[in-house]
Amino acid sequence: MGIIVQKFGGSSVENTDKLFNVCSHIIKEYDKGNYVVVVVSAQRKNNR
């Protein structure tokens, strides 16, 4: 068991589909028994 720090921002959190992908990365580490620290920075601006 370890401490995993994951940082996400920009295009990786710009929409719902990508947020679910980020969540799956977090869950995988948690399921391995690790402590997970998540840092989320600003979302990419989406002008669509």
C-alpha atoms as a PDB file:
ATOM      1  CA  MET A   1       0.000   0.000   0.000  1.00  0.00           C
ATOM      2  CA  GLY A   2       1.326   3.419  -0.932  1.00  0.00           C
ATOM      3  CA  ILE A   3       0.309   6.983  -1.390  1.00  0.00           C
ATOM      4  CA  ILE A   4      -0.435   7.881  -4.992  1.00  0.00           C
ATOM      5  CA  VAL A   5      -0.735  11.529  -6.041  1.00  0.00           C
ATOM      6  CA  GLN A   6      -2.538  12.129  -9.315  1.00  0.00           C
ATOM      7  CA  LYS A   7      -2.962  15.533 -10.944  1.00  0.00           C
ATOM      8  CA  PHE A   8      -5.496  16.188 -13.674  1.00  0.00           C
ATOM      9  CA  GLY A   9      -6.355  19.369 -15.505  1.00  0.00           C
ATOM     10  CA  GLY A  10      -6.827  21.038 -18.837  1.00  0.00           C
ATOM     11  CA  SER A  11      -8.072  18.775 -21.600  1.00  0.00           C
ATOM     12  CA  SER A  12      -8.267  15.707 -19.313  1.00  0.00           C
ATOM     13  CA  VAL A  13     -11.209  17.250 -17.434  1.00  0.00           C
ATOM     14  CA  GLU A  14     -12.829  19.306 -20.179  1.00  0.00           C
ATOM     15  CA  ASN A  15     -16.037  17.260 -20.531  1.00  0.00           C
ATOM     16  CA  THR A  16     -18.075  14.524 -18.898  1.00  0.00           C
ATOM     17  CA  ASP A  17     -16.573  11.642 -20.869  1.00  0.00           C
ATOM     18  CA  LYS A  18     -13.057  12.676 -19.943  1.00  0.00           C
ATOM     19  CA  LEU A  19     -14.031  13.150 -16.297  1.00  0.00           C
ATOM     20  CA  PHE A  20     -15.295   9.552 -16.213  1.00  0.00           C
ATOM     21  CA  ASN A  21     -11.930   8.463 -17.644  1.00  0.00           C
ATOM     22  CA  VAL A  22     -10.137  10.364 -14.876  1.00  0.00           C
ATOM     23  CA  CYS A  23     -12.386   8.678 -12.310  1.00  0.00           C
ATOM     24  CA  SER A  24     -11.484   5.252 -13.666  1.00  0.00           C
ATOM     25  CA  HIS A  25      -7.764   6.017 -13.155  1.00  0.00           C
ATOM     26  CA  ILE A  26      -8.439   7.076  -9.574  1.00  0.00           C
ATOM     27  CA  ILE A  27     -10.564   3.997  -8.846  1.00  0.00           C
ATOM     28  CA  LYS A  28      -7.919   1.628 -10.259  1.00  0.00           C
ATOM     29  CA  GLU A  29      -5.320   2.931  -7.809  1.00  0.00           C
ATOM     30  CA  TYR A  30      -7.755   2.845  -4.910  1.00  0.00           C
ATOM     31  CA  ASP A  31      -8.751  -0.736  -5.731  1.00  0.00           C
ATOM     32  CA  LYS A  32      -5.061  -1.716  -5.580  1.00  0.00           C
ATOM     33  CA  GLY A  33      -5.162  -0.692  -1.915  1.00  0.00           C
ATOM     34  CA  ASN A  34      -3.361   2.626  -2.297  1.00  0.00           C
ATOM     35  CA  TYR A  35      -4.207   5.908  -0.652  1.00  0.00           C
ATOM     36  CA  VAL A  36      -5.032   8.314  -3.466  1.00  0.00           C
ATOM     37  CA  VAL A  37      -4.555  12.079  -3.396  1.00  0.00           C
ATOM     38  CA  VAL A  38      -6.146  13.824  -6.369  1.00  0.00           C
ATOM     39  CA  VAL A  39      -5.373  17.354  -7.522  1.00  0.00           C
ATOM     40  CA  VAL A  40      -7.680  18.856 -10.133  1.00  0.00           C
ATOM     41  CA  SER A  41      -6.696  22.107 -11.797  1.00  0.00           C
ATOM     42  CA  ALA A  42      -8.644  24.299 -14.189  1.00  0.00           C
ATOM     43  CA  GLN A  43     -10.740  22.786 -16.927  1.00  0.00           C
ATOM     44  CA  ARG A  44      -9.881  23.537 -20.504  1.00  0.00           C
ATOM     45  CA  LYS A  45     -12.187  26.148 -21.962  1.00  0.00           C
ATOM     46  CA  ASN A  46     -14.627  24.569 -24.371  1.00  0.00           C
ATOM     47  CA  ASN A  47     -16.076  27.093 -26.846  1.00  0.00           C
ATOM     48  CA  ARG A  48     -18.278  24.674 -28.765  1.00  0.00           C
END
